[in-house]
Structures are given as structure tokens and as C-alpha cells.
């Protein structure tokens, strides 16, 4: 998660504090629509998997904990559709 945190700090230079794992990244405007596709590219690079935008919702990207659970844990993208059904 350090790589994601570093990316978020790079995109938000005024952000000095650590990002809480449950902070809403979208509501806090740490990720905006201009950076969203770059954020997906970062997650794909980190996970080694393609993210199908038809299979995810905006809530999957809201917090660092949700990002970790959905895309980076062993139960990430491949297992998530089965868990949702």
C-alpha cells in the first residue's frame, strides 16, 4: 500500500499526513476523475491483473482497505465476482 500512498501524495502535494486506511479517497478528493484512469493503471501494474470496469463499482476504490481487499489481496479480482454472486 506504500506505493499507492506515495502516488496519492504525489497527486496531492499539499497532503502531509498519512492516509488512513478507511478514509474515503473520493470524498476527500484525493482521487479525481482526471487521475482515475492512472490510478487503475497503477492497480493493474501492482496486481498483475487487468481491471474490467464492467466488474467493479466506484465503491471498490473508496478506501485503501477496499482497494487492498478488491485488487491486491489473494482474493482480489479473480475471486471477487464469485464472492459477489
PDB file of N, CA and C in Angstrom:
ATOM      1  N   UNK A   1       0.820  -1.199   0.000  1.00  0.00           N
ATOM      2  CA  UNK A   1       0.000   0.000   0.000  1.00  0.00           C
ATOM      3  C   UNK A   1       0.864   1.264   0.000  1.00  0.00           C
ATOM      4  N   UNK A   2       2.122   1.098   0.299  1.00  0.00           N
ATOM      5  CA  UNK A   2       3.012   2.254   0.313  1.00  0.00           C
ATOM      6  C   UNK A   2       3.094   2.897  -1.073  1.00  0.00           C
ATOM      7  N   UNK A   3       3.095   2.070  -2.104  1.00  0.00           N
ATOM      8  CA  UNK A   3       3.166   2.597  -3.464  1.00  0.00           C
ATOM      9  C   UNK A   3       1.921   3.444  -3.785  1.00  0.00           C
ATOM     10  N   UNK A   4       0.758   2.986  -3.347  1.00  0.00           N
ATOM     11  CA  UNK A   4      -0.473   3.747  -3.563  1.00  0.00           C
ATOM     12  C   UNK A   4      -0.434   5.042  -2.755  1.00  0.00           C
ATOM     13  N   UNK A   5      -0.010   4.940  -1.516  1.00  0.00           N
ATOM     14  CA  UNK A   5       0.088   6.130  -0.666  1.00  0.00           C
ATOM     15  C   UNK A   5       1.050   7.151  -1.270  1.00  0.00           C
ATOM     16  N   UNK A   6       2.182   6.687  -1.770  1.00  0.00           N
ATOM     17  CA  UNK A   6       3.142   7.588  -2.408  1.00  0.00           C
ATOM     18  C   UNK A   6       2.521   8.262  -3.632  1.00  0.00           C
ATOM     19  N   UNK A   7       1.770   7.487  -4.419  1.00  0.00           N
ATOM     20  CA  UNK A   7       1.112   8.030  -5.610  1.00  0.00           C
ATOM     21  C   UNK A   7       0.096   9.102  -5.212  1.00  0.00           C
ATOM     22  N   UNK A   8      -0.698   8.815  -4.179  1.00  0.00           N
ATOM     23  CA  UNK A   8      -1.696   9.781  -3.711  1.00  0.00           C
ATOM     24  C   UNK A   8      -1.041  11.064  -3.202  1.00  0.00           C
ATOM     25  N   UNK A   9       0.074  10.917  -2.491  1.00  0.00           N
ATOM     26  CA  UNK A   9       0.787  12.104  -2.015  1.00  0.00           C
ATOM     27  C   UNK A   9       1.386  12.894  -3.185  1.00  0.00           C
ATOM     28  N   UNK A  10       1.848  12.189  -4.204  1.00  0.00           N
ATOM     29  CA  UNK A  10       2.379  12.859  -5.393  1.00  0.00           C
ATOM     30  C   UNK A  10       1.289  13.671  -6.097  1.00  0.00           C
ATOM     31  N   UNK A  11       0.084  13.114  -6.163  1.00  0.00           N
ATOM     32  CA  UNK A  11      -1.037  13.793  -6.823  1.00  0.00           C
ATOM     33  C   UNK A  11      -1.624  14.911  -5.968  1.00  0.00           C
ATOM     34  N   UNK A  12      -1.342  14.880  -4.673  1.00  0.00           N
ATOM     35  CA  UNK A  12      -1.882  15.864  -3.730  1.00  0.00           C
ATOM     36  C   UNK A  12      -0.736  16.443  -2.910  1.00  0.00           C
ATOM     37  N   UNK A  13       0.074  17.329  -3.521  1.00  0.00           N
ATOM     38  CA  UNK A  13       1.286  17.816  -2.850  1.00  0.00           C
ATOM     39  C   UNK A  13       1.041  18.516  -1.518  1.00  0.00           C
ATOM     40  N   UNK A  14      -0.145  19.026  -1.283  1.00  0.00           N
ATOM     41  CA  UNK A  14      -0.437  19.686  -0.008  1.00  0.00           C
ATOM     42  C   UNK A  14      -0.760  18.705   1.106  1.00  0.00           C
ATOM     43  N   UNK A  15      -0.854  17.437   0.779  1.00  0.00           N
ATOM     44  CA  UNK A  15      -1.189  16.405   1.757  1.00  0.00           C
ATOM     45  C   UNK A  15       0.077  15.979   2.495  1.00  0.00           C
ATOM     46  N   UNK A  16       0.132  16.301   3.777  1.00  0.00           N
ATOM     47  CA  UNK A  16       1.322  15.984   4.569  1.00  0.00           C
ATOM     48  C   UNK A  16       1.128  14.769   5.460  1.00  0.00           C
ATOM     49  N   UNK A  17      -0.089  14.537   5.886  1.00  0.00           N
ATOM     50  CA  UNK A  17      -0.363  13.470   6.851  1.00  0.00           C
ATOM     51  C   UNK A  17      -0.500  12.118   6.143  1.00  0.00           C
ATOM     52  N   UNK A  18      -0.288  11.046   6.904  1.00  0.00           N
ATOM     53  CA  UNK A  18      -0.552   9.719   6.345  1.00  0.00           C
ATOM     54  C   UNK A  18      -2.040   9.578   6.022  1.00  0.00           C
ATOM     55  N   UNK A  19      -2.352   8.712   5.086  1.00  0.00           N
ATOM     56  CA  UNK A  19      -3.740   8.490   4.683  1.00  0.00           C
ATOM     57  C   UNK A  19      -4.280   7.306   5.473  1.00  0.00           C
ATOM     58  N   UNK A  20      -5.362   7.540   6.194  1.00  0.00           N
ATOM     59  CA  UNK A  20      -5.985   6.475   6.965  1.00  0.00           C
ATOM     60  C   UNK A  20      -6.536   5.427   6.007  1.00  0.00           C
ATOM     61  N   UNK A  21      -6.419   4.170   6.367  1.00  0.00           N
ATOM     62  CA  UNK A  21      -6.849   3.065   5.505  1.00  0.00           C
ATOM     63  C   UNK A  21      -8.350   3.074   5.240  1.00  0.00           C
ATOM     64  N   UNK A  22      -9.124   3.759   6.079  1.00  0.00           N
ATOM     65  CA  UNK A  22     -10.569   3.831   5.882  1.00  0.00           C
ATOM     66  C   UNK A  22     -11.049   5.209   5.422  1.00  0.00           C
ATOM     67  N   UNK A  23     -10.133   6.101   5.108  1.00  0.00           N
ATOM     68  CA  UNK A  23     -10.525   7.417   4.614  1.00  0.00           C
ATOM     69  C   UNK A  23     -11.116   7.279   3.213  1.00  0.00           C
ATOM     70  N   UNK A  24     -12.220   7.963   2.966  1.00  0.00           N
ATOM     71  CA  UNK A  24     -12.866   7.929   1.657  1.00  0.00           C
ATOM     72  C   UNK A  24     -12.032   8.778   0.693  1.00  0.00           C
ATOM     73  N   UNK A  25     -11.314   8.118  -0.186  1.00  0.00           N
ATOM     74  CA  UNK A  25     -10.389   8.796  -1.091  1.00  0.00           C
ATOM     75  C   UNK A  25     -11.099   9.705  -2.083  1.00  0.00           C
ATOM     76  N   UNK A  26     -12.318   9.346  -2.430  1.00  0.00           N
ATOM     77  CA  UNK A  26     -13.081  10.130  -3.403  1.00  0.00           C
ATOM     78  C   UNK A  26     -13.705  11.351  -2.729  1.00  0.00           C
ATOM     79  N   UNK A  27     -14.357  11.131  -1.592  1.00  0.00           N
ATOM     80  CA  UNK A  27     -14.956  12.251  -0.856  1.00  0.00           C
ATOM     81  C   UNK A  27     -13.894  13.255  -0.418  1.00  0.00           C
ATOM     82  N   UNK A  28     -12.721  12.767  -0.055  1.00  0.00           N
ATOM     83  CA  UNK A  28     -11.623  13.648   0.363  1.00  0.00           C
ATOM     84  C   UNK A  28     -10.925  14.288  -0.834  1.00  0.00           C
ATOM     85  N   UNK A  29     -11.372  13.930  -2.031  1.00  0.00           N
ATOM     86  CA  UNK A  29     -10.823  14.458  -3.283  1.00  0.00           C
ATOM     87  C   UNK A  29      -9.349  14.136  -3.460  1.00  0.00           C
ATOM     88  N   UNK A  30      -8.942  12.985  -2.952  1.00  0.00           N
ATOM     89  CA  UNK A  30      -7.569  12.540  -3.153  1.00  0.00           C
ATOM     90  C   UNK A  30      -7.410  11.874  -4.513  1.00  0.00           C
ATOM     91  N   UNK A  31      -8.516  11.384  -5.056  1.00  0.00           N
ATOM     92  CA  UNK A  31      -8.557  10.855  -6.417  1.00  0.00           C
ATOM     93  C   UNK A  31      -9.687  11.594  -7.125  1.00  0.00           C
ATOM     94  N   UNK A  32      -9.371  12.191  -8.253  1.00  0.00           N
ATOM     95  CA  UNK A  32     -10.424  12.852  -9.021  1.00  0.00           C
ATOM     96  C   UNK A  32     -10.564  12.177 -10.378  1.00  0.00           C
ATOM     97  N   UNK A  33     -11.507  12.633 -11.147  1.00  0.00           N
ATOM     98  CA  UNK A  33     -11.789  11.985 -12.430  1.00  0.00           C
ATOM     99  C   UNK A  33     -10.599  12.060 -13.381  1.00  0.00           C
ATOM    100  N   UNK A  34      -9.796  13.080 -13.266  1.00  0.00           N
ATOM    101  CA  UNK A  34      -8.627  13.220 -14.134  1.00  0.00           C
ATOM    102  C   UNK A  34      -7.559  12.173 -13.817  1.00  0.00           C
ATOM    103  N   UNK A  35      -7.469  11.761 -12.568  1.00  0.00           N
ATOM    104  CA  UNK A  35      -6.441  10.809 -12.136  1.00  0.00           C
ATOM    105  C   UNK A  35      -6.944   9.365 -12.083  1.00  0.00           C
ATOM    106  N   UNK A  36      -8.241   9.160 -12.259  1.00  0.00           N
ATOM    107  CA  UNK A  36      -8.826   7.846 -12.021  1.00  0.00           C
ATOM    108  C   UNK A  36      -8.243   6.766 -12.927  1.00  0.00           C
ATOM    109  N   UNK A  37      -8.100   7.038 -14.213  1.00  0.00           N
ATOM    110  CA  UNK A  37      -7.554   6.023 -15.118  1.00  0.00           C
ATOM    111  C   UNK A  37      -6.091   5.720 -14.803  1.00  0.00           C
ATOM    112  N   UNK A  38      -5.358   6.724 -14.392  1.00  0.00           N
ATOM    113  CA  UNK A  38      -3.971   6.498 -13.977  1.00  0.00           C
ATOM    114  C   UNK A  38      -3.932   5.626 -12.714  1.00  0.00           C
ATOM    115  N   UNK A  39      -4.883   5.840 -11.809  1.00  0.00           N
ATOM    116  CA  UNK A  39      -4.981   5.036 -10.601  1.00  0.00           C
ATOM    117  C   UNK A  39      -5.278   3.575 -10.960  1.00  0.00           C
ATOM    118  N   UNK A  40      -6.169   3.357 -11.912  1.00  0.00           N
ATOM    119  CA  UNK A  40      -6.470   1.998 -12.357  1.00  0.00           C
ATOM    120  C   UNK A  40      -5.229   1.360 -12.966  1.00  0.00           C
ATOM    121  N   UNK A  41      -4.485   2.112 -13.775  1.00  0.00           N
ATOM    122  CA  UNK A  41      -3.235   1.592 -14.341  1.00  0.00           C
ATOM    123  C   UNK A  41      -2.262   1.177 -13.239  1.00  0.00           C
ATOM    124  N   UNK A  42      -2.161   1.985 -12.203  1.00  0.00           N
ATOM    125  CA  UNK A  42      -1.293   1.667 -11.071  1.00  0.00           C
ATOM    126  C   UNK A  42      -1.731   0.356 -10.414  1.00  0.00           C
ATOM    127  N   UNK A  43      -3.024   0.215 -10.173  1.00  0.00           N
ATOM    128  CA  UNK A  43      -3.539  -1.010  -9.539  1.00  0.00           C
ATOM    129  C   UNK A  43      -3.321  -2.230 -10.427  1.00  0.00           C
ATOM    130  N   UNK A  44      -3.507  -2.070 -11.722  1.00  0.00           N
ATOM    131  CA  UNK A  44      -3.267  -3.187 -12.642  1.00  0.00           C
ATOM    132  C   UNK A  44      -1.801  -3.592 -12.615  1.00  0.00           C
ATOM    133  N   UNK A  45      -0.917  -2.612 -12.579  1.00  0.00           N
ATOM    134  CA  UNK A  45       0.512  -2.891 -12.515  1.00  0.00           C
ATOM    135  C   UNK A  45       0.864  -3.615 -11.218  1.00  0.00           C
ATOM    136  N   UNK A  46       0.311  -3.157 -10.125  1.00  0.00           N
ATOM    137  CA  UNK A  46       0.603  -3.758  -8.828  1.00  0.00           C
ATOM    138  C   UNK A  46       0.037  -5.171  -8.696  1.00  0.00           C
ATOM    139  N   UNK A  47      -1.158  -5.386  -9.237  1.00  0.00           N
ATOM    140  CA  UNK A  47      -1.811  -6.687  -9.079  1.00  0.00           C
ATOM    141  C   UNK A  47      -1.423  -7.678 -10.164  1.00  0.00           C
ATOM    142  N   UNK A  48      -0.932  -7.171 -11.290  1.00  0.00           N
ATOM    143  CA  UNK A  48      -0.613  -8.044 -12.405  1.00  0.00           C
ATOM    144  C   UNK A  48      -1.850  -8.531 -13.136  1.00  0.00           C
ATOM    145  N   UNK A  49      -2.990  -7.891 -12.873  1.00  0.00           N
ATOM    146  CA  UNK A  49      -4.258  -8.279 -13.493  1.00  0.00           C
ATOM    147  C   UNK A  49      -4.913  -7.062 -14.130  1.00  0.00           C
ATOM    148  N   UNK A  50      -5.679  -7.321 -15.178  1.00  0.00           N
ATOM    149  CA  UNK A  50      -6.464  -6.273 -15.801  1.00  0.00           C
ATOM    150  C   UNK A  50      -7.733  -6.051 -14.993  1.00  0.00           C
ATOM    151  N   UNK A  51      -8.100  -4.819 -14.805  1.00  0.00           N
ATOM    152  CA  UNK A  51      -9.339  -4.485 -14.096  1.00  0.00           C
ATOM    153  C   UNK A  51     -10.417  -4.239 -15.139  1.00  0.00           C
ATOM    154  N   UNK A  52     -11.431  -5.068 -15.133  1.00  0.00           N
ATOM    155  CA  UNK A  52     -12.566  -4.924 -16.041  1.00  0.00           C
ATOM    156  C   UNK A  52     -13.532  -3.928 -15.414  1.00  0.00           C
ATOM    157  N   UNK A  53     -13.672  -2.770 -16.018  1.00  0.00           N
ATOM    158  CA  UNK A  53     -14.509  -1.721 -15.442  1.00  0.00           C
ATOM    159  C   UNK A  53     -15.982  -2.099 -15.409  1.00  0.00           C
ATOM    160  N   UNK A  54     -16.363  -3.142 -16.122  1.00  0.00           N
ATOM    161  CA  UNK A  54     -17.735  -3.647 -16.061  1.00  0.00           C
ATOM    162  C   UNK A  54     -17.966  -4.491 -14.807  1.00  0.00           C
ATOM    163  N   UNK A  55     -16.879  -4.903 -14.154  1.00  0.00           N
ATOM    164  CA  UNK A  55     -16.956  -5.796 -12.999  1.00  0.00           C
ATOM    165  C   UNK A  55     -16.769  -5.086 -11.662  1.00  0.00           C
ATOM    166  N   UNK A  56     -16.521  -3.785 -11.687  1.00  0.00           N
ATOM    167  CA  UNK A  56     -16.244  -3.050 -10.455  1.00  0.00           C
ATOM    168  C   UNK A  56     -17.223  -1.890 -10.294  1.00  0.00           C
ATOM    169  N   UNK A  57     -17.265  -1.354  -9.088  1.00  0.00           N
ATOM    170  CA  UNK A  57     -18.048  -0.149  -8.829  1.00  0.00           C
ATOM    171  C   UNK A  57     -17.127   0.896  -8.210  1.00  0.00           C
ATOM    172  N   UNK A  58     -17.604   2.107  -8.154  1.00  0.00           N
ATOM    173  CA  UNK A  58     -16.815   3.184  -7.562  1.00  0.00           C
ATOM    174  C   UNK A  58     -16.478   2.871  -6.108  1.00  0.00           C
ATOM    175  N   UNK A  59     -17.333   2.122  -5.429  1.00  0.00           N
ATOM    176  CA  UNK A  59     -17.080   1.777  -4.029  1.00  0.00           C
ATOM    177  C   UNK A  59     -15.830   0.914  -3.862  1.00  0.00           C
ATOM    178  N   UNK A  60     -15.437   0.184  -4.898  1.00  0.00           N
ATOM    179  CA  UNK A  60     -14.222  -0.633  -4.831  1.00  0.00           C
ATOM    180  C   UNK A  60     -12.965   0.218  -4.692  1.00  0.00           C
ATOM    181  N   UNK A  61     -13.072   1.503  -4.980  1.00  0.00           N
ATOM    182  CA  UNK A  61     -11.926   2.407  -4.972  1.00  0.00           C
ATOM    183  C   UNK A  61     -11.990   3.443  -3.847  1.00  0.00           C
ATOM    184  N   UNK A  62     -12.984   3.353  -2.974  1.00  0.00           N
ATOM    185  CA  UNK A  62     -13.222   4.411  -1.980  1.00  0.00           C
ATOM    186  C   UNK A  62     -12.162   4.523  -0.899  1.00  0.00           C
ATOM    187  N   UNK A  63     -11.671   3.416  -0.393  1.00  0.00           N
ATOM    188  CA  UNK A  63     -10.691   3.458   0.696  1.00  0.00           C
ATOM    189  C   UNK A  63      -9.511   2.553   0.369  1.00  0.00           C
ATOM    190  N   UNK A  64      -8.410   2.772   1.061  1.00  0.00           N
ATOM    191  CA  UNK A  64      -7.253   1.897   0.872  1.00  0.00           C
ATOM    192  C   UNK A  64      -7.586   0.463   1.269  1.00  0.00           C
ATOM    193  N   UNK A  65      -8.388   0.299   2.317  1.00  0.00           N
ATOM    194  CA  UNK A  65      -8.781  -1.053   2.716  1.00  0.00           C
ATOM    195  C   UNK A  65      -9.590  -1.750   1.625  1.00  0.00           C
ATOM    196  N   UNK A  66     -10.510  -1.030   1.002  1.00  0.00           N
ATOM    197  CA  UNK A  66     -11.317  -1.631  -0.077  1.00  0.00           C
ATOM    198  C   UNK A  66     -10.451  -1.937  -1.291  1.00  0.00           C
ATOM    199  N   UNK A  67      -9.538  -1.049  -1.622  1.00  0.00           N
ATOM    200  CA  UNK A  67      -8.631  -1.282  -2.743  1.00  0.00           C
ATOM    201  C   UNK A  67      -7.803  -2.537  -2.485  1.00  0.00           C
ATOM    202  N   UNK A  68      -7.274  -2.643  -1.285  1.00  0.00           N
ATOM    203  CA  UNK A  68      -6.468  -3.813  -0.937  1.00  0.00           C
ATOM    204  C   UNK A  68      -7.297  -5.095  -1.057  1.00  0.00           C
ATOM    205  N   UNK A  69      -8.472  -5.101  -0.471  1.00  0.00           N
ATOM    206  CA  UNK A  69      -9.311  -6.298  -0.466  1.00  0.00           C
ATOM    207  C   UNK A  69      -9.757  -6.677  -1.880  1.00  0.00           C
ATOM    208  N   UNK A  70     -10.086  -5.685  -2.682  1.00  0.00           N
ATOM    209  CA  UNK A  70     -10.654  -5.966  -4.011  1.00  0.00           C
ATOM    210  C   UNK A  70      -9.602  -6.295  -5.053  1.00  0.00           C
ATOM    211  N   UNK A  71      -8.446  -5.640  -4.980  1.00  0.00           N
ATOM    212  CA  UNK A  71      -7.485  -5.756  -6.067  1.00  0.00           C
ATOM    213  C   UNK A  71      -6.130  -6.347  -5.690  1.00  0.00           C
ATOM    214  N   UNK A  72      -5.758  -6.303  -4.426  1.00  0.00           N
ATOM    215  CA  UNK A  72      -4.397  -6.684  -4.079  1.00  0.00           C
ATOM    216  C   UNK A  72      -4.271  -7.915  -3.203  1.00  0.00           C
ATOM    217  N   UNK A  73      -5.314  -8.266  -2.459  1.00  0.00           N
ATOM    218  CA  UNK A  73      -5.254  -9.481  -1.652  1.00  0.00           C
ATOM    219  C   UNK A  73      -5.359 -10.704  -2.551  1.00  0.00           C
ATOM    220  N   UNK A  74      -5.058 -11.857  -1.999  1.00  0.00           N
ATOM    221  CA  UNK A  74      -5.148 -13.106  -2.752  1.00  0.00           C
ATOM    222  C   UNK A  74      -6.559 -13.354  -3.266  1.00  0.00           C
ATOM    223  N   UNK A  75      -7.545 -12.730  -2.635  1.00  0.00           N
ATOM    224  CA  UNK A  75      -8.933 -12.896  -3.070  1.00  0.00           C
ATOM    225  C   UNK A  75      -9.371 -11.740  -3.956  1.00  0.00           C
ATOM    226  N   UNK A  76      -8.417 -11.104  -4.620  1.00  0.00           N
ATOM    227  CA  UNK A  76      -8.669  -9.929  -5.433  1.00  0.00           C
ATOM    228  C   UNK A  76      -9.551 -10.159  -6.640  1.00  0.00           C
ATOM    229  N   UNK A  77      -9.201  -9.602  -7.796  1.00  0.00           N
ATOM    230  CA  UNK A  77     -10.090  -9.554  -8.950  1.00  0.00           C
ATOM    231  C   UNK A  77     -10.633 -10.906  -9.387  1.00  0.00           C
ATOM    232  N   UNK A  78      -9.838 -11.925  -9.364  1.00  0.00           N
ATOM    233  CA  UNK A  78     -10.302 -13.224  -9.859  1.00  0.00           C
ATOM    234  C   UNK A  78     -11.401 -13.801  -8.981  1.00  0.00           C
ATOM    235  N   UNK A  79     -11.301 -13.596  -7.677  1.00  0.00           N
ATOM    236  CA  UNK A  79     -12.274 -14.185  -6.762  1.00  0.00           C
ATOM    237  C   UNK A  79     -13.461 -13.266  -6.488  1.00  0.00           C
ATOM    238  N   UNK A  80     -13.293 -11.973  -6.705  1.00  0.00           N
ATOM    239  CA  UNK A  80     -14.344 -11.021  -6.339  1.00  0.00           C
ATOM    240  C   UNK A  80     -15.676 -11.270  -7.016  1.00  0.00           C
ATOM    241  N   UNK A  81     -15.750 -11.555  -8.330  1.00  0.00           N
ATOM    242  CA  UNK A  81     -17.071 -11.808  -8.921  1.00  0.00           C
ATOM    243  C   UNK A  81     -17.772 -13.015  -8.300  1.00  0.00           C
ATOM    244  N   UNK A  82     -17.035 -14.051  -7.945  1.00  0.00           N
ATOM    245  CA  UNK A  82     -17.647 -15.224  -7.312  1.00  0.00           C
ATOM    246  C   UNK A  82     -18.170 -14.874  -5.929  1.00  0.00           C
ATOM    247  N   UNK A  83     -17.432 -14.025  -5.211  1.00  0.00           N
ATOM    248  CA  UNK A  83     -17.846 -13.640  -3.861  1.00  0.00           C
ATOM    249  C   UNK A  83     -19.096 -12.767  -3.913  1.00  0.00           C
ATOM    250  N   UNK A  84     -19.227 -11.977  -4.972  1.00  0.00           N
ATOM    251  CA  UNK A  84     -20.364 -11.064  -5.081  1.00  0.00           C
ATOM    252  C   UNK A  84     -21.636 -11.799  -5.460  1.00  0.00           C
ATOM    253  N   UNK A  85     -21.526 -12.981  -6.057  1.00  0.00           N
ATOM    254  CA  UNK A  85     -22.704 -13.667  -6.549  1.00  0.00           C
ATOM    255  C   UNK A  85     -23.172 -14.657  -5.603  1.00  0.00           C
TER     256      UNK A  85
END
